[in-house]
Amino acid sequence: MRDHNKWPDPDPEMLATPQFEAVWQCIKSWDINVPAAYSGYCGATGNHVRAILDALANSDQKPSGSYAVPVAFLTGMLTGMFIMAVSILAGRG
């Protein structure tokens, strides 16, 4: 069972943002494991997108300049790809 305080659903306003849609389009086919929120792997959900967007919004390493959105987006994507690669190499993917 998951703790909804640690793993909140996206709110309606968040669902309508281009940032939410961009992350969702990238991760919607992934199997993801978030041990702090639940056990095992599951298909990507809006909760995963919210967690990524919340983490980027709360990061101390804020990108600046004209590449602010692409850098933040790529940072999240590279993190997800690393997790997926580790899972595949560990025989879970």
N, C-alpha and C. Protein backbone atom coordinates (compact mmCIF):
# COMPACT_ATOMS: atom_id res chain seq x y z
N MET A 1 0.84 -1.18 0.00
CA MET A 1 0.00 0.00 0.00
C MET A 1 0.89 1.25 0.00
N ARG A 2 0.52 2.24 -0.75
CA ARG A 2 1.35 3.43 -0.85
C ARG A 2 0.81 4.56 0.01
N ASP A 3 1.70 5.41 0.42
CA ASP A 3 1.35 6.58 1.22
C ASP A 3 1.08 7.73 0.24
N HIS A 4 -0.17 8.17 0.15
CA HIS A 4 -0.53 9.22 -0.82
C HIS A 4 0.11 10.56 -0.50
N ASN A 5 0.57 10.76 0.74
CA ASN A 5 1.29 11.99 1.04
C ASN A 5 2.65 12.02 0.35
N LYS A 6 3.27 10.83 0.21
CA LYS A 6 4.56 10.75 -0.47
C LYS A 6 4.39 10.56 -1.98
N TRP A 7 3.24 10.10 -2.41
CA TRP A 7 3.03 9.72 -3.80
C TRP A 7 1.71 10.31 -4.30
N PRO A 8 1.62 11.65 -4.38
CA PRO A 8 0.35 12.29 -4.72
C PRO A 8 -0.02 12.15 -6.20
N ASP A 9 -1.31 12.18 -6.45
CA ASP A 9 -1.82 12.19 -7.82
C ASP A 9 -1.57 13.58 -8.42
N PRO A 10 -1.45 13.66 -9.74
CA PRO A 10 -1.35 14.99 -10.36
C PRO A 10 -2.69 15.71 -10.22
N ASP A 11 -2.64 17.03 -10.03
CA ASP A 11 -3.88 17.78 -9.93
C ASP A 11 -4.35 18.17 -11.34
N PRO A 12 -5.61 18.55 -11.50
CA PRO A 12 -6.13 18.86 -12.84
C PRO A 12 -5.34 19.94 -13.58
N GLU A 13 -4.84 20.95 -12.85
CA GLU A 13 -4.07 22.00 -13.50
C GLU A 13 -2.76 21.43 -14.07
N MET A 14 -2.14 20.54 -13.32
CA MET A 14 -0.88 19.94 -13.76
C MET A 14 -1.09 19.10 -15.02
N LEU A 15 -2.20 18.37 -15.06
CA LEU A 15 -2.49 17.52 -16.23
C LEU A 15 -2.57 18.31 -17.52
N ALA A 16 -2.92 19.59 -17.43
CA ALA A 16 -3.10 20.43 -18.61
C ALA A 16 -1.84 21.12 -19.08
N THR A 17 -0.70 20.93 -18.40
CA THR A 17 0.52 21.66 -18.77
C THR A 17 1.30 20.93 -19.86
N PRO A 18 2.01 21.69 -20.69
CA PRO A 18 2.84 21.04 -21.71
C PRO A 18 3.99 20.24 -21.08
N GLN A 19 4.45 20.65 -19.91
CA GLN A 19 5.53 19.91 -19.24
C GLN A 19 5.04 18.52 -18.85
N PHE A 20 3.83 18.44 -18.31
CA PHE A 20 3.27 17.14 -17.93
C PHE A 20 3.16 16.24 -19.16
N GLU A 21 2.62 16.79 -20.24
CA GLU A 21 2.42 16.02 -21.46
C GLU A 21 3.77 15.56 -22.05
N ALA A 22 4.77 16.42 -22.01
CA ALA A 22 6.09 16.05 -22.55
C ALA A 22 6.70 14.88 -21.78
N VAL A 23 6.64 14.95 -20.45
CA VAL A 23 7.20 13.86 -19.65
C VAL A 23 6.38 12.60 -19.87
N TRP A 24 5.05 12.71 -19.87
CA TRP A 24 4.18 11.55 -20.06
C TRP A 24 4.48 10.86 -21.39
N GLN A 25 4.63 11.62 -22.47
CA GLN A 25 4.90 11.02 -23.77
C GLN A 25 6.21 10.24 -23.77
N CYS A 26 7.16 10.65 -22.95
CA CYS A 26 8.45 9.97 -22.88
C CYS A 26 8.42 8.72 -22.01
N ILE A 27 7.64 8.70 -20.94
CA ILE A 27 7.72 7.59 -20.00
C ILE A 27 6.54 6.63 -20.06
N LYS A 28 5.52 6.92 -20.85
CA LYS A 28 4.29 6.14 -20.79
C LYS A 28 4.46 4.66 -21.10
N SER A 29 5.51 4.26 -21.77
CA SER A 29 5.72 2.84 -22.07
C SER A 29 6.71 2.17 -21.11
N TRP A 30 7.20 2.90 -20.13
CA TRP A 30 8.21 2.37 -19.21
C TRP A 30 7.60 1.55 -18.09
N ASP A 31 8.36 0.58 -17.59
CA ASP A 31 8.09 -0.08 -16.32
C ASP A 31 9.00 0.58 -15.31
N ILE A 32 8.43 1.03 -14.20
CA ILE A 32 9.18 1.85 -13.25
C ILE A 32 9.06 1.25 -11.86
N ASN A 33 10.14 1.34 -11.09
CA ASN A 33 10.17 0.91 -9.70
C ASN A 33 10.54 2.11 -8.84
N VAL A 34 9.70 2.41 -7.85
CA VAL A 34 9.97 3.51 -6.91
C VAL A 34 9.87 2.93 -5.50
N PRO A 35 10.97 2.34 -5.02
CA PRO A 35 10.92 1.65 -3.72
C PRO A 35 10.44 2.50 -2.56
N ALA A 36 10.64 3.80 -2.60
CA ALA A 36 10.18 4.67 -1.51
C ALA A 36 8.66 4.80 -1.48
N ALA A 37 8.00 4.49 -2.59
CA ALA A 37 6.56 4.66 -2.68
C ALA A 37 5.78 3.34 -2.75
N TYR A 38 6.37 2.30 -3.36
CA TYR A 38 5.70 1.01 -3.50
C TYR A 38 6.75 -0.05 -3.83
N SER A 39 6.35 -1.32 -3.80
CA SER A 39 7.30 -2.39 -4.11
C SER A 39 6.99 -2.97 -5.48
N GLY A 40 8.04 -3.35 -6.20
CA GLY A 40 7.89 -3.93 -7.52
C GLY A 40 7.84 -2.89 -8.62
N TYR A 41 7.70 -3.40 -9.84
CA TYR A 41 7.63 -2.55 -11.02
C TYR A 41 6.19 -2.41 -11.46
N CYS A 42 5.87 -1.28 -12.09
CA CYS A 42 4.54 -1.09 -12.68
C CYS A 42 4.69 -0.16 -13.89
N GLY A 43 3.67 -0.13 -14.70
CA GLY A 43 3.67 0.79 -15.83
C GLY A 43 3.62 2.23 -15.34
N ALA A 44 4.16 3.11 -16.15
CA ALA A 44 4.19 4.53 -15.79
C ALA A 44 2.77 5.06 -15.60
N THR A 45 2.64 5.97 -14.66
CA THR A 45 1.35 6.61 -14.37
C THR A 45 1.55 8.12 -14.24
N GLY A 46 0.45 8.82 -14.09
CA GLY A 46 0.52 10.26 -13.84
C GLY A 46 1.26 10.58 -12.56
N ASN A 47 1.24 9.65 -11.59
CA ASN A 47 1.97 9.87 -10.35
C ASN A 47 3.48 9.94 -10.61
N HIS A 48 3.96 9.13 -11.54
CA HIS A 48 5.38 9.17 -11.89
C HIS A 48 5.72 10.52 -12.51
N VAL A 49 4.86 10.98 -13.41
CA VAL A 49 5.10 12.28 -14.05
C VAL A 49 5.13 13.37 -12.98
N ARG A 50 4.16 13.33 -12.05
CA ARG A 50 4.13 14.34 -11.00
C ARG A 50 5.40 14.28 -10.17
N ALA A 51 5.86 13.08 -9.84
CA ALA A 51 7.08 12.96 -9.04
C ALA A 51 8.27 13.58 -9.75
N ILE A 52 8.37 13.37 -11.06
CA ILE A 52 9.47 13.95 -11.84
C ILE A 52 9.36 15.47 -11.85
N LEU A 53 8.16 15.98 -12.13
CA LEU A 53 7.98 17.43 -12.19
C LEU A 53 8.19 18.07 -10.82
N ASP A 54 7.72 17.43 -9.75
CA ASP A 54 7.94 17.96 -8.40
C ASP A 54 9.43 17.98 -8.07
N ALA A 55 10.14 16.89 -8.43
CA ALA A 55 11.58 16.83 -8.14
C ALA A 55 12.33 17.94 -8.88
N LEU A 56 11.96 18.17 -10.13
CA LEU A 56 12.62 19.24 -10.89
C LEU A 56 12.30 20.61 -10.29
N ALA A 57 11.06 20.81 -9.87
CA ALA A 57 10.66 22.10 -9.30
C ALA A 57 11.36 22.36 -7.96
N ASN A 58 11.67 21.30 -7.23
CA ASN A 58 12.28 21.45 -5.90
C ASN A 58 13.80 21.29 -5.92
N SER A 59 14.37 21.12 -7.09
CA SER A 59 15.81 20.92 -7.21
C SER A 59 16.57 22.20 -6.86
N ASP A 60 17.70 22.03 -6.19
CA ASP A 60 18.58 23.16 -5.90
C ASP A 60 19.38 23.56 -7.14
N GLN A 61 19.45 22.69 -8.11
CA GLN A 61 20.22 22.95 -9.33
C GLN A 61 19.29 23.43 -10.43
N LYS A 62 18.92 24.68 -10.36
CA LYS A 62 18.02 25.27 -11.34
C LYS A 62 18.80 25.67 -12.59
N PRO A 63 18.41 25.16 -13.76
CA PRO A 63 19.05 25.61 -14.99
C PRO A 63 18.67 27.05 -15.28
N SER A 64 19.49 27.74 -16.03
CA SER A 64 19.19 29.13 -16.37
C SER A 64 19.42 29.37 -17.84
N GLY A 65 18.96 30.49 -18.30
CA GLY A 65 19.17 30.88 -19.69
C GLY A 65 18.16 30.25 -20.63
N SER A 66 18.44 30.34 -21.92
CA SER A 66 17.49 29.89 -22.93
C SER A 66 17.34 28.37 -22.98
N TYR A 67 18.26 27.64 -22.32
CA TYR A 67 18.17 26.18 -22.33
C TYR A 67 17.56 25.63 -21.05
N ALA A 68 16.89 26.48 -20.27
CA ALA A 68 16.36 26.06 -18.96
C ALA A 68 15.42 24.86 -19.07
N VAL A 69 14.42 24.91 -19.92
CA VAL A 69 13.48 23.80 -20.01
C VAL A 69 14.15 22.57 -20.61
N PRO A 70 14.87 22.67 -21.72
CA PRO A 70 15.50 21.45 -22.25
C PRO A 70 16.48 20.80 -21.27
N VAL A 71 17.26 21.57 -20.54
CA VAL A 71 18.22 20.98 -19.60
C VAL A 71 17.49 20.24 -18.50
N ALA A 72 16.46 20.85 -17.93
CA ALA A 72 15.69 20.19 -16.88
C ALA A 72 15.03 18.93 -17.41
N PHE A 73 14.46 19.02 -18.57
CA PHE A 73 13.80 17.87 -19.17
C PHE A 73 14.80 16.75 -19.45
N LEU A 74 15.94 17.10 -20.04
CA LEU A 74 16.94 16.09 -20.34
C LEU A 74 17.53 15.47 -19.08
N THR A 75 17.69 16.24 -18.04
CA THR A 75 18.19 15.70 -16.78
C THR A 75 17.26 14.61 -16.27
N GLY A 76 15.96 14.88 -16.27
CA GLY A 76 14.99 13.89 -15.84
C GLY A 76 14.98 12.67 -16.74
N MET A 77 15.05 12.89 -18.03
CA MET A 77 15.04 11.78 -18.98
C MET A 77 16.28 10.91 -18.83
N LEU A 78 17.44 11.53 -18.67
CA LEU A 78 18.67 10.75 -18.50
C LEU A 78 18.64 9.94 -17.22
N THR A 79 18.06 10.49 -16.17
CA THR A 79 17.93 9.75 -14.92
C THR A 79 17.05 8.52 -15.14
N GLY A 80 15.92 8.71 -15.81
CA GLY A 80 15.03 7.58 -16.11
C GLY A 80 15.69 6.54 -16.98
N MET A 81 16.45 6.97 -17.98
CA MET A 81 17.13 6.03 -18.87
C MET A 81 18.19 5.25 -18.10
N PHE A 82 18.88 5.90 -17.17
CA PHE A 82 19.88 5.22 -16.36
C PHE A 82 19.22 4.14 -15.51
N ILE A 83 18.10 4.47 -14.88
CA ILE A 83 17.39 3.49 -14.06
C ILE A 83 16.93 2.31 -14.91
N MET A 84 16.43 2.60 -16.11
CA MET A 84 15.99 1.53 -17.00
C MET A 84 17.17 0.66 -17.41
N ALA A 85 18.29 1.26 -17.75
CA ALA A 85 19.47 0.49 -18.15
C ALA A 85 19.97 -0.40 -17.03
N VAL A 86 19.99 0.11 -15.82
CA VAL A 86 20.42 -0.69 -14.67
C VAL A 86 19.47 -1.86 -14.48
N SER A 87 18.18 -1.63 -14.65
CA SER A 87 17.20 -2.71 -14.50
C SER A 87 17.41 -3.77 -15.55
N ILE A 88 17.66 -3.36 -16.78
CA ILE A 88 17.89 -4.32 -17.87
C ILE A 88 19.16 -5.13 -17.59
N LEU A 89 20.21 -4.45 -17.19
CA LEU A 89 21.46 -5.16 -16.90
C LEU A 89 21.33 -6.10 -15.71
N ALA A 90 20.43 -5.78 -14.79
CA ALA A 90 20.21 -6.62 -13.63
C ALA A 90 19.25 -7.77 -13.94
N GLY A 91 18.74 -7.82 -15.18
CA GLY A 91 17.88 -8.89 -15.59
C GLY A 91 16.41 -8.69 -15.23
N ARG A 92 16.02 -7.45 -14.92
CA ARG A 92 14.64 -7.17 -14.55
C ARG A 92 13.86 -6.51 -15.68
N GLY A 93 14.48 -6.19 -16.78
CA GLY A 93 13.81 -5.41 -17.81
C GLY A 93 13.41 -6.15 -19.01
